Amino acid sequence: MIQKDQEFCLIQLQHENPIIATAIHDGHLFSENLKQISALSESERLREEDPFTGRWTNISENRIIANFSRFEVDLNRPREKCIYLEPEDAWGLNLWHSKPSPEVIVEIMSKYDDFYEKVRREITYLLKNISGIVVLDLHSYNHRREGPDKPPADSDMNPEINVGTGNMNRGYWAPLVDGFMKDMQSYNYFGMSLDVRENIKFRGGHFSNWLHENFSSQVCCMSIEFKKFFMDEWTGEPDEKHITEIYALLQSTLPGIINELKKLSELSR
């Protein structure tokens, strides 16, 4: 089935393919009623979103992409925290001239609920035909928060790629996760190896936790955070060379993922 809600997100899960690529922070659209009360500029919103991650989801026929900004509703947070209302909810930013009304909050919550219900329904449908699914939960993160002319954040705690596995059954999925990490680390990235580490900057958010709680050992979700070395995080300007190569990097990991899924399926028979 293909379901597309232009006012919210793209959920395209129609193939008997065990890999789903998601970009739930890619969206930049913002409802007009929220624009009128927002204290943030468009560029401030963009800085905290994950632009270009939606393009990487094309590695699979099965994709989920948020069209709307996380400043409207954050799909990677628990329901009670999915709307940023106070500065502490969103990196200390001054968010609103006046806060969204209770009626608007109810409307936003319905989008959140609708998203999770659709994802539950579609994954349940897929699992009738395949025994296991891997979700590549694609994100990006800022590393120049002090300013465009200031030094970047210390690389010791800010790897180029952070793979979040903090809320899965790591023992069960170990061969798949370890193989994925190895494939990422050994990829020839313009003559070098990228710094790929696990659970250093992020351990995974609500979306991956929800998937593991609801689908147990049938779904493995790896939350993959790319440091914004592929763009200027202050201007939003992309570096097309890096965006294209990251796509190739992700694509190169798919055969290994599928192979490990087959092994796990055979062991469970």
C-alpha atoms as a PDB file:
ATOM      1  CA  MET A   1       0.000   0.000   0.000  1.00  0.00           C
ATOM      2  CA  ILE A   2       1.070   3.610  -0.589  1.00  0.00           C
ATOM      3  CA  GLN A   3      -0.264   6.316   1.645  1.00  0.00           C
ATOM      4  CA  LYS A   4       0.661   9.924   1.117  1.00  0.00           C
ATOM      5  CA  ASP A   5      -0.587  12.730   3.278  1.00  0.00           C
ATOM      6  CA  GLN A   6       0.632  15.981   1.745  1.00  0.00           C
ATOM      7  CA  GLU A   7      -0.131  17.771   4.970  1.00  0.00           C
ATOM      8  CA  PHE A   8       2.087  15.533   7.013  1.00  0.00           C
ATOM      9  CA  CYS A   9       4.227  12.666   5.767  1.00  0.00           C
ATOM     10  CA  LEU A  10       5.003  10.074   3.128  1.00  0.00           C
ATOM     11  CA  ILE A  11       4.572   6.456   4.173  1.00  0.00           C
ATOM     12  CA  GLN A  12       5.518   4.165   1.315  1.00  0.00           C
ATOM     13  CA  LEU A  13       5.643   0.540   2.416  1.00  0.00           C
ATOM     14  CA  GLN A  14       4.487  -1.558  -0.500  1.00  0.00           C
ATOM     15  CA  HIS A  15       7.324  -3.943  -1.357  1.00  0.00           C
ATOM     16  CA  GLU A  16       8.299  -7.270   0.143  1.00  0.00           C
ATOM     17  CA  ASN A  17      11.617  -5.703   1.003  1.00  0.00           C
ATOM     18  CA  PRO A  18      13.053  -6.185   4.517  1.00  0.00           C
ATOM     19  CA  ILE A  19      14.611  -2.712   4.677  1.00  0.00           C
ATOM     20  CA  ILE A  20      12.762   0.503   5.525  1.00  0.00           C
ATOM     21  CA  ALA A  21      14.603   3.826   5.313  1.00  0.00           C
ATOM     22  CA  THR A  22      13.130   6.687   7.327  1.00  0.00           C
ATOM     23  CA  ALA A  23      13.749  10.428   7.643  1.00  0.00           C
ATOM     24  CA  ILE A  24      11.325  11.626  10.302  1.00  0.00           C
ATOM     25  CA  HIS A  25      13.143  14.946  10.885  1.00  0.00           C
ATOM     26  CA  ASP A  26      13.629  15.822   7.210  1.00  0.00           C
ATOM     27  CA  GLY A  27      10.498  17.979   7.020  1.00  0.00           C
ATOM     28  CA  HIS A  28      10.557  21.769   6.844  1.00  0.00           C
ATOM     29  CA  LEU A  29       6.908  22.678   6.203  1.00  0.00           C
ATOM     30  CA  PHE A  30       5.161  24.585   8.975  1.00  0.00           C
ATOM     31  CA  SER A  31       1.441  25.248   9.395  1.00  0.00           C
ATOM     32  CA  GLU A  32       0.322  28.818   8.779  1.00  0.00           C
ATOM     33  CA  ASN A  33      -1.391  29.107  12.158  1.00  0.00           C
ATOM     34  CA  LEU A  34       1.892  28.182  13.869  1.00  0.00           C
ATOM     35  CA  LYS A  35       3.950  30.539  11.701  1.00  0.00           C
ATOM     36  CA  GLN A  36       1.845  33.430  12.976  1.00  0.00           C
ATOM     37  CA  ILE A  37       2.800  32.767  16.605  1.00  0.00           C
ATOM     38  CA  SER A  38       6.310  31.358  16.141  1.00  0.00           C
ATOM     39  CA  ALA A  39       9.255  33.384  17.438  1.00  0.00           C
ATOM     40  CA  LEU A  40      11.677  31.400  15.260  1.00  0.00           C
ATOM     41  CA  SER A  41      12.843  32.356  11.799  1.00  0.00           C
ATOM     42  CA  GLU A  42      12.761  29.841   8.973  1.00  0.00           C
ATOM     43  CA  SER A  43      16.559  29.546   9.107  1.00  0.00           C
ATOM     44  CA  GLU A  44      16.465  28.835  12.864  1.00  0.00           C
ATOM     45  CA  ARG A  45      14.023  26.002  12.281  1.00  0.00           C
ATOM     46  CA  LEU A  46      16.093  24.611   9.431  1.00  0.00           C
ATOM     47  CA  ARG A  47      19.219  24.561  11.586  1.00  0.00           C
ATOM     48  CA  GLU A  48      17.647  22.024  13.938  1.00  0.00           C
ATOM     49  CA  GLU A  49      15.981  19.932  11.245  1.00  0.00           C
ATOM     50  CA  ASP A  50      17.645  17.143   9.265  1.00  0.00           C
ATOM     51  CA  PRO A  51      17.638  18.415   5.672  1.00  0.00           C
ATOM     52  CA  PHE A  52      18.658  16.054   2.855  1.00  0.00           C
ATOM     53  CA  THR A  53      18.105  12.904   4.940  1.00  0.00           C
ATOM     54  CA  GLY A  54      14.944  12.278   2.909  1.00  0.00           C
ATOM     55  CA  ARG A  55      17.054  11.902  -0.217  1.00  0.00           C
ATOM     56  CA  TRP A  56      18.982   9.062   1.365  1.00  0.00           C
ATOM     57  CA  THR A  57      15.786   7.060   1.929  1.00  0.00           C
ATOM     58  CA  ASN A  58      15.799   6.289  -1.802  1.00  0.00           C
ATOM     59  CA  ILE A  59      18.160   3.395  -1.024  1.00  0.00           C
ATOM     60  CA  SER A  60      14.982   1.355  -0.410  1.00  0.00           C
ATOM     61  CA  GLU A  61      11.555   1.015  -2.015  1.00  0.00           C
ATOM     62  CA  ASN A  62      10.137   1.222   1.508  1.00  0.00           C
ATOM     63  CA  ARG A  63      10.376   4.767   2.852  1.00  0.00           C
ATOM     64  CA  ILE A  64       8.949   7.035   5.521  1.00  0.00           C
ATOM     65  CA  ILE A  65       9.587  10.788   5.246  1.00  0.00           C
ATOM     66  CA  ALA A  66       8.140  13.558   7.389  1.00  0.00           C
ATOM     67  CA  ASN A  67       7.085  16.569   5.320  1.00  0.00           C
ATOM     68  CA  PHE A  68       6.449  18.860   8.265  1.00  0.00           C
ATOM     69  CA  SER A  69       8.987  20.331  10.661  1.00  0.00           C
ATOM     70  CA  ARG A  70       9.844  18.800  13.999  1.00  0.00           C
ATOM     71  CA  PHE A  71       8.915  22.240  15.401  1.00  0.00           C
ATOM     72  CA  GLU A  72       5.308  21.351  14.591  1.00  0.00           C
ATOM     73  CA  VAL A  73       5.459  17.815  15.919  1.00  0.00           C
ATOM     74  CA  ASP A  74       8.518  15.743  16.791  1.00  0.00           C
ATOM     75  CA  LEU A  75       7.880  12.128  15.830  1.00  0.00           C
ATOM     76  CA  ASN A  76      11.015  11.000  17.630  1.00  0.00           C
ATOM     77  CA  ARG A  77       9.776  11.989  21.076  1.00  0.00           C
ATOM     78  CA  PRO A  78       7.145  10.435  23.343  1.00  0.00           C
ATOM     79  CA  ARG A  79       3.618  11.701  22.799  1.00  0.00           C
ATOM     80  CA  GLU A  80       3.621  13.925  25.887  1.00  0.00           C
ATOM     81  CA  LYS A  81       6.804  15.660  24.669  1.00  0.00           C
ATOM     82  CA  CYS A  82       6.192  15.754  20.921  1.00  0.00           C
ATOM     83  CA  ILE A  83       5.320  19.475  20.845  1.00  0.00           C
ATOM     84  CA  TYR A  84       8.022  21.950  21.817  1.00  0.00           C
ATOM     85  CA  LEU A  85       6.415  24.440  24.193  1.00  0.00           C
ATOM     86  CA  GLU A  86       9.252  25.681  26.412  1.00  0.00           C
ATOM     87  CA  PRO A  87      12.839  26.686  25.537  1.00  0.00           C
ATOM     88  CA  GLU A  88      14.186  23.666  27.414  1.00  0.00           C
ATOM     89  CA  ASP A  89      12.250  21.451  24.995  1.00  0.00           C
ATOM     90  CA  ALA A  90      14.313  22.724  22.059  1.00  0.00           C
ATOM     91  CA  TRP A  91      17.942  23.672  22.714  1.00  0.00           C
ATOM     92  CA  GLY A  92      17.011  26.755  24.716  1.00  0.00           C
ATOM     93  CA  LEU A  93      15.357  28.472  21.765  1.00  0.00           C
ATOM     94  CA  ASN A  94      12.711  31.158  22.245  1.00  0.00           C
ATOM     95  CA  LEU A  95       9.901  29.300  20.483  1.00  0.00           C
ATOM     96  CA  TRP A  96       6.651  31.256  20.623  1.00  0.00           C
ATOM     97  CA  HIS A  97       5.272  34.773  20.800  1.00  0.00           C
ATOM     98  CA  SER A  98       2.221  33.040  22.237  1.00  0.00           C
ATOM     99  CA  LYS A  99       1.874  29.317  22.780  1.00  0.00           C
ATOM    100  CA  PRO A 100      -0.349  27.136  20.580  1.00  0.00           C
ATOM    101  CA  SER A 101      -3.936  27.000  21.772  1.00  0.00           C
ATOM    102  CA  PRO A 102      -5.377  23.812  23.288  1.00  0.00           C
ATOM    103  CA  GLU A 103      -7.356  23.302  20.059  1.00  0.00           C
ATOM    104  CA  VAL A 104      -4.196  23.487  17.945  1.00  0.00           C
ATOM    105  CA  ILE A 105      -2.382  21.114  20.292  1.00  0.00           C
ATOM    106  CA  VAL A 106      -5.196  18.568  19.943  1.00  0.00           C
ATOM    107  CA  GLU A 107      -4.932  18.848  16.149  1.00  0.00           C
ATOM    108  CA  ILE A 108      -1.164  18.332  16.235  1.00  0.00           C
ATOM    109  CA  MET A 109      -1.516  15.347  18.557  1.00  0.00           C
ATOM    110  CA  SER A 110      -3.920  13.761  16.096  1.00  0.00           C
ATOM    111  CA  LYS A 111      -1.205  13.940  13.415  1.00  0.00           C
ATOM    112  CA  TYR A 112       1.209  12.238  15.771  1.00  0.00           C
ATOM    113  CA  ASP A 113      -1.280   9.504  16.609  1.00  0.00           C
ATOM    114  CA  ASP A 114      -2.190   9.032  12.957  1.00  0.00           C
ATOM    115  CA  PHE A 115       1.464   8.607  12.013  1.00  0.00           C
ATOM    116  CA  TYR A 116       2.106   5.889  14.563  1.00  0.00           C
ATOM    117  CA  GLU A 117      -1.131   4.088  13.739  1.00  0.00           C
ATOM    118  CA  LYS A 118      -0.280   4.043  10.024  1.00  0.00           C
ATOM    119  CA  VAL A 119       3.247   2.799  10.681  1.00  0.00           C
ATOM    120  CA  ARG A 120       1.918   0.063  12.985  1.00  0.00           C
ATOM    121  CA  ARG A 121      -0.596  -1.052  10.371  1.00  0.00           C
ATOM    122  CA  GLU A 122       1.843  -1.036   7.466  1.00  0.00           C
ATOM    123  CA  ILE A 123       4.650  -2.859   9.269  1.00  0.00           C
ATOM    124  CA  THR A 124       2.182  -5.461  10.536  1.00  0.00           C
ATOM    125  CA  TYR A 125       1.122  -5.990   6.918  1.00  0.00           C
ATOM    126  CA  LEU A 126       4.729  -6.357   5.742  1.00  0.00           C
ATOM    127  CA  LEU A 127       5.502  -8.900   8.467  1.00  0.00           C
ATOM    128  CA  LYS A 128       2.833 -11.214   7.075  1.00  0.00           C
ATOM    129  CA  ASN A 129       5.125 -11.807   4.106  1.00  0.00           C
ATOM    130  CA  ILE A 130       8.638 -11.446   5.549  1.00  0.00           C
ATOM    131  CA  SER A 131      10.064 -12.651   8.845  1.00  0.00           C
ATOM    132  CA  GLY A 132      12.172  -9.646   9.811  1.00  0.00           C
ATOM    133  CA  ILE A 133      12.649  -5.971   9.021  1.00  0.00           C
ATOM    134  CA  VAL A 134      15.542  -3.561   9.466  1.00  0.00           C
ATOM    135  CA  VAL A 135      14.699   0.125   9.821  1.00  0.00           C
ATOM    136  CA  LEU A 136      17.459   2.600   8.978  1.00  0.00           C
ATOM    137  CA  ASP A 137      16.333   5.622  10.991  1.00  0.00           C
ATOM    138  CA  LEU A 138      18.285   8.447   9.314  1.00  0.00           C
ATOM    139  CA  HIS A 139      19.126  11.686  11.113  1.00  0.00           C
ATOM    140  CA  SER A 140      21.782  14.392  11.244  1.00  0.00           C
ATOM    141  CA  TYR A 141      23.201  16.548  14.018  1.00  0.00           C
ATOM    142  CA  ASN A 142      24.890  19.897  14.501  1.00  0.00           C
ATOM    143  CA  HIS A 143      28.510  20.180  15.568  1.00  0.00           C
ATOM    144  CA  ARG A 144      29.136  23.915  15.227  1.00  0.00           C
ATOM    145  CA  ARG A 145      26.698  25.239  17.811  1.00  0.00           C
ATOM    146  CA  GLU A 146      29.100  27.920  19.028  1.00  0.00           C
ATOM    147  CA  GLY A 147      28.785  29.711  15.692  1.00  0.00           C
ATOM    148  CA  PRO A 148      29.837  29.443  12.041  1.00  0.00           C
ATOM    149  CA  ASP A 149      33.233  31.024  12.725  1.00  0.00           C
ATOM    150  CA  LYS A 150      33.938  29.101  15.924  1.00  0.00           C
ATOM    151  CA  PRO A 151      35.754  25.764  16.229  1.00  0.00           C
ATOM    152  CA  PRO A 152      33.573  22.669  15.748  1.00  0.00           C
ATOM    153  CA  ALA A 153      32.668  20.424  18.671  1.00  0.00           C
ATOM    154  CA  ASP A 154      35.333  18.013  19.913  1.00  0.00           C
ATOM    155  CA  SER A 155      35.482  15.005  17.587  1.00  0.00           C
ATOM    156  CA  ASP A 156      36.055  12.652  20.551  1.00  0.00           C
ATOM    157  CA  MET A 157      32.371  12.893  21.416  1.00  0.00           C
ATOM    158  CA  ASN A 158      31.093  13.783  17.943  1.00  0.00           C
ATOM    159  CA  PRO A 159      31.787  10.981  15.467  1.00  0.00           C
ATOM    160  CA  GLU A 160      31.024  11.537  11.808  1.00  0.00           C
ATOM    161  CA  ILE A 161      28.441   8.770  12.089  1.00  0.00           C
ATOM    162  CA  ASN A 162      26.778   7.747  15.340  1.00  0.00           C
ATOM    163  CA  VAL A 163      24.806   4.488  15.250  1.00  0.00           C
ATOM    164  CA  GLY A 164      22.221   4.436  18.033  1.00  0.00           C
ATOM    165  CA  THR A 165      21.326   0.969  19.310  1.00  0.00           C
ATOM    166  CA  GLY A 166      20.546   1.821  22.924  1.00  0.00           C
ATOM    167  CA  ASN A 167      16.966   0.567  23.046  1.00  0.00           C
ATOM    168  CA  MET A 168      17.124  -2.709  21.104  1.00  0.00           C
ATOM    169  CA  ASN A 169      17.864  -6.283  22.136  1.00  0.00           C
ATOM    170  CA  ARG A 170      21.520  -5.814  21.230  1.00  0.00           C
ATOM    171  CA  GLY A 171      22.422  -9.450  21.879  1.00  0.00           C
ATOM    172  CA  TYR A 172      19.872 -10.828  19.422  1.00  0.00           C
ATOM    173  CA  TRP A 173      20.758  -8.347  16.681  1.00  0.00           C
ATOM    174  CA  ALA A 174      24.530  -8.368  17.333  1.00  0.00           C
ATOM    175  CA  PRO A 175      25.650 -10.067  14.085  1.00  0.00           C
ATOM    176  CA  LEU A 176      23.592  -7.651  11.998  1.00  0.00           C
ATOM    177  CA  VAL A 177      24.614  -4.515  13.900  1.00  0.00           C
ATOM    178  CA  ASP A 178      28.280  -5.526  14.034  1.00  0.00           C
ATOM    179  CA  GLY A 179      28.301  -6.267  10.309  1.00  0.00           C
ATOM    180  CA  PHE A 180      26.633  -2.956   9.536  1.00  0.00           C
ATOM    181  CA  MET A 181      29.169  -1.061  11.647  1.00  0.00           C
ATOM    182  CA  LYS A 182      32.052  -2.874   9.978  1.00  0.00           C
ATOM    183  CA  ASP A 183      30.703  -2.134   6.485  1.00  0.00           C
ATOM    184  CA  MET A 184      30.330   1.552   7.339  1.00  0.00           C
ATOM    185  CA  GLN A 185      33.805   1.781   8.863  1.00  0.00           C
ATOM    186  CA  SER A 186      35.543  -0.014   5.995  1.00  0.00           C
ATOM    187  CA  TYR A 187      33.855   1.980   3.217  1.00  0.00           C
ATOM    188  CA  ASN A 188      36.327   3.918   1.054  1.00  0.00           C
ATOM    189  CA  TYR A 189      35.047   7.450   1.588  1.00  0.00           C
ATOM    190  CA  PHE A 190      37.116   9.601  -0.759  1.00  0.00           C
ATOM    191  CA  GLY A 191      40.222   7.638   0.189  1.00  0.00           C
ATOM    192  CA  MET A 192      39.560   7.625   3.919  1.00  0.00           C
ATOM    193  CA  SER A 193      37.540   5.805   6.569  1.00  0.00           C
ATOM    194  CA  LEU A 194      34.808   7.663   8.403  1.00  0.00           C
ATOM    195  CA  ASP A 195      34.634   7.762  12.185  1.00  0.00           C
ATOM    196  CA  VAL A 196      31.674   5.446  12.835  1.00  0.00           C
ATOM    197  CA  ARG A 197      30.872   4.644  16.462  1.00  0.00           C
ATOM    198  CA  GLU A 198      27.976   3.296  18.464  1.00  0.00           C
ATOM    199  CA  ASN A 199      25.955   5.140  21.137  1.00  0.00           C
ATOM    200  CA  ILE A 200      28.454   7.973  21.594  1.00  0.00           C
ATOM    201  CA  LYS A 201      26.332  11.039  20.821  1.00  0.00           C
ATOM    202  CA  PHE A 202      22.881   9.423  20.604  1.00  0.00           C
ATOM    203  CA  ARG A 203      21.432   6.076  21.667  1.00  0.00           C
ATOM    204  CA  GLY A 204      18.224   6.276  19.634  1.00  0.00           C
ATOM    205  CA  GLY A 205      14.968   8.129  20.225  1.00  0.00           C
ATOM    206  CA  HIS A 206      11.320   7.328  20.787  1.00  0.00           C
ATOM    207  CA  PHE A 207      10.641   6.053  17.264  1.00  0.00           C
ATOM    208  CA  SER A 208      13.196   3.253  17.475  1.00  0.00           C
ATOM    209  CA  ASN A 209      12.149   2.451  21.038  1.00  0.00           C
ATOM    210  CA  TRP A 210       8.497   2.220  19.946  1.00  0.00           C
ATOM    211  CA  LEU A 211       9.400  -0.112  17.082  1.00  0.00           C
ATOM    212  CA  HIS A 212      11.318  -2.461  19.365  1.00  0.00           C
ATOM    213  CA  GLU A 213       8.602  -2.444  22.027  1.00  0.00           C
ATOM    214  CA  ASN A 214       5.825  -3.159  19.527  1.00  0.00           C
ATOM    215  CA  PHE A 215       7.533  -5.611  17.184  1.00  0.00           C
ATOM    216  CA  SER A 216      10.082  -7.260  19.466  1.00  0.00           C
ATOM    217  CA  SER A 217      12.580  -9.449  17.585  1.00  0.00           C
ATOM    218  CA  GLN A 218      10.857  -8.929  14.236  1.00  0.00           C
ATOM    219  CA  VAL A 219      12.158  -5.372  13.736  1.00  0.00           C
ATOM    220  CA  CYS A 220      15.678  -4.008  14.188  1.00  0.00           C
ATOM    221  CA  CYS A 221      15.889  -0.209  14.112  1.00  0.00           C
ATOM    222  CA  MET A 222      19.301   1.445  13.942  1.00  0.00           C
ATOM    223  CA  SER A 223      19.217   5.223  14.471  1.00  0.00           C
ATOM    224  CA  ILE A 224      21.948   6.633  12.247  1.00  0.00           C
ATOM    225  CA  GLU A 225      23.066  10.192  12.992  1.00  0.00           C
ATOM    226  CA  PHE A 226      25.334  11.899  10.460  1.00  0.00           C
ATOM    227  CA  LYS A 227      27.308  14.855  11.714  1.00  0.00           C
ATOM    228  CA  LYS A 228      26.545  17.762   9.391  1.00  0.00           C
ATOM    229  CA  PHE A 229      29.877  17.594   7.597  1.00  0.00           C
ATOM    230  CA  PHE A 230      27.859  17.223   4.379  1.00  0.00           C
ATOM    231  CA  MET A 231      26.414  20.739   4.621  1.00  0.00           C
ATOM    232  CA  ASP A 232      26.811  24.141   6.232  1.00  0.00           C
ATOM    233  CA  GLU A 233      24.590  23.848   9.288  1.00  0.00           C
ATOM    234  CA  TRP A 234      24.310  27.645   9.617  1.00  0.00           C
ATOM    235  CA  THR A 235      23.332  28.528   6.045  1.00  0.00           C
ATOM    236  CA  GLY A 236      21.701  25.221   5.078  1.00  0.00           C
ATOM    237  CA  GLU A 237      23.906  25.006   1.978  1.00  0.00           C
ATOM    238  CA  PRO A 238      24.466  21.379   0.901  1.00  0.00           C
ATOM    239  CA  ASP A 239      27.713  19.831  -0.284  1.00  0.00           C
ATOM    240  CA  GLU A 240      26.378  17.676  -3.097  1.00  0.00           C
ATOM    241  CA  LYS A 241      29.562  15.620  -3.346  1.00  0.00           C
ATOM    242  CA  HIS A 242      29.178  14.437   0.242  1.00  0.00           C
ATOM    243  CA  ILE A 243      25.411  13.944   0.039  1.00  0.00           C
ATOM    244  CA  THR A 244      25.857  11.703  -3.002  1.00  0.00           C
ATOM    245  CA  GLU A 245      28.660   9.730  -1.382  1.00  0.00           C
ATOM    246  CA  ILE A 246      26.718   9.178   1.838  1.00  0.00           C
ATOM    247  CA  TYR A 247      23.919   7.750  -0.287  1.00  0.00           C
ATOM    248  CA  ALA A 248      26.435   5.342  -1.865  1.00  0.00           C
ATOM    249  CA  LEU A 249      27.784   4.461   1.571  1.00  0.00           C
ATOM    250  CA  LEU A 250      24.331   3.566   2.874  1.00  0.00           C
ATOM    251  CA  GLN A 251      23.535   1.609  -0.271  1.00  0.00           C
ATOM    252  CA  SER A 252      26.734  -0.416   0.153  1.00  0.00           C
ATOM    253  CA  THR A 253      25.521  -1.764   3.511  1.00  0.00           C
ATOM    254  CA  LEU A 254      22.297  -3.298   2.178  1.00  0.00           C
ATOM    255  CA  PRO A 255      23.651  -6.665   0.945  1.00  0.00           C
ATOM    256  CA  GLY A 256      25.212  -7.338   4.350  1.00  0.00           C
ATOM    257  CA  ILE A 257      22.004  -6.425   6.172  1.00  0.00           C
ATOM    258  CA  ILE A 258      19.922  -8.715   3.976  1.00  0.00           C
ATOM    259  CA  ASN A 259      22.412 -11.559   4.383  1.00  0.00           C
ATOM    260  CA  GLU A 260      22.349 -11.309   8.185  1.00  0.00           C
ATOM    261  CA  LEU A 261      18.539 -11.145   8.184  1.00  0.00           C
ATOM    262  CA  LYS A 262      18.456 -14.402   6.212  1.00  0.00           C
ATOM    263  CA  LYS A 263      20.779 -16.068   8.728  1.00  0.00           C
ATOM    264  CA  LEU A 264      18.619 -14.951  11.648  1.00  0.00           C
ATOM    265  CA  SER A 265      15.506 -16.201   9.860  1.00  0.00           C
ATOM    266  CA  GLU A 266      17.078 -19.618   9.313  1.00  0.00           C
ATOM    267  CA  LEU A 267      18.146 -19.851  12.975  1.00  0.00           C
ATOM    268  CA  SER A 268      14.617 -19.096  14.180  1.00  0.00           C
ATOM    269  CA  ARG A 269      13.000 -21.859  12.142  1.00  0.00           C
END
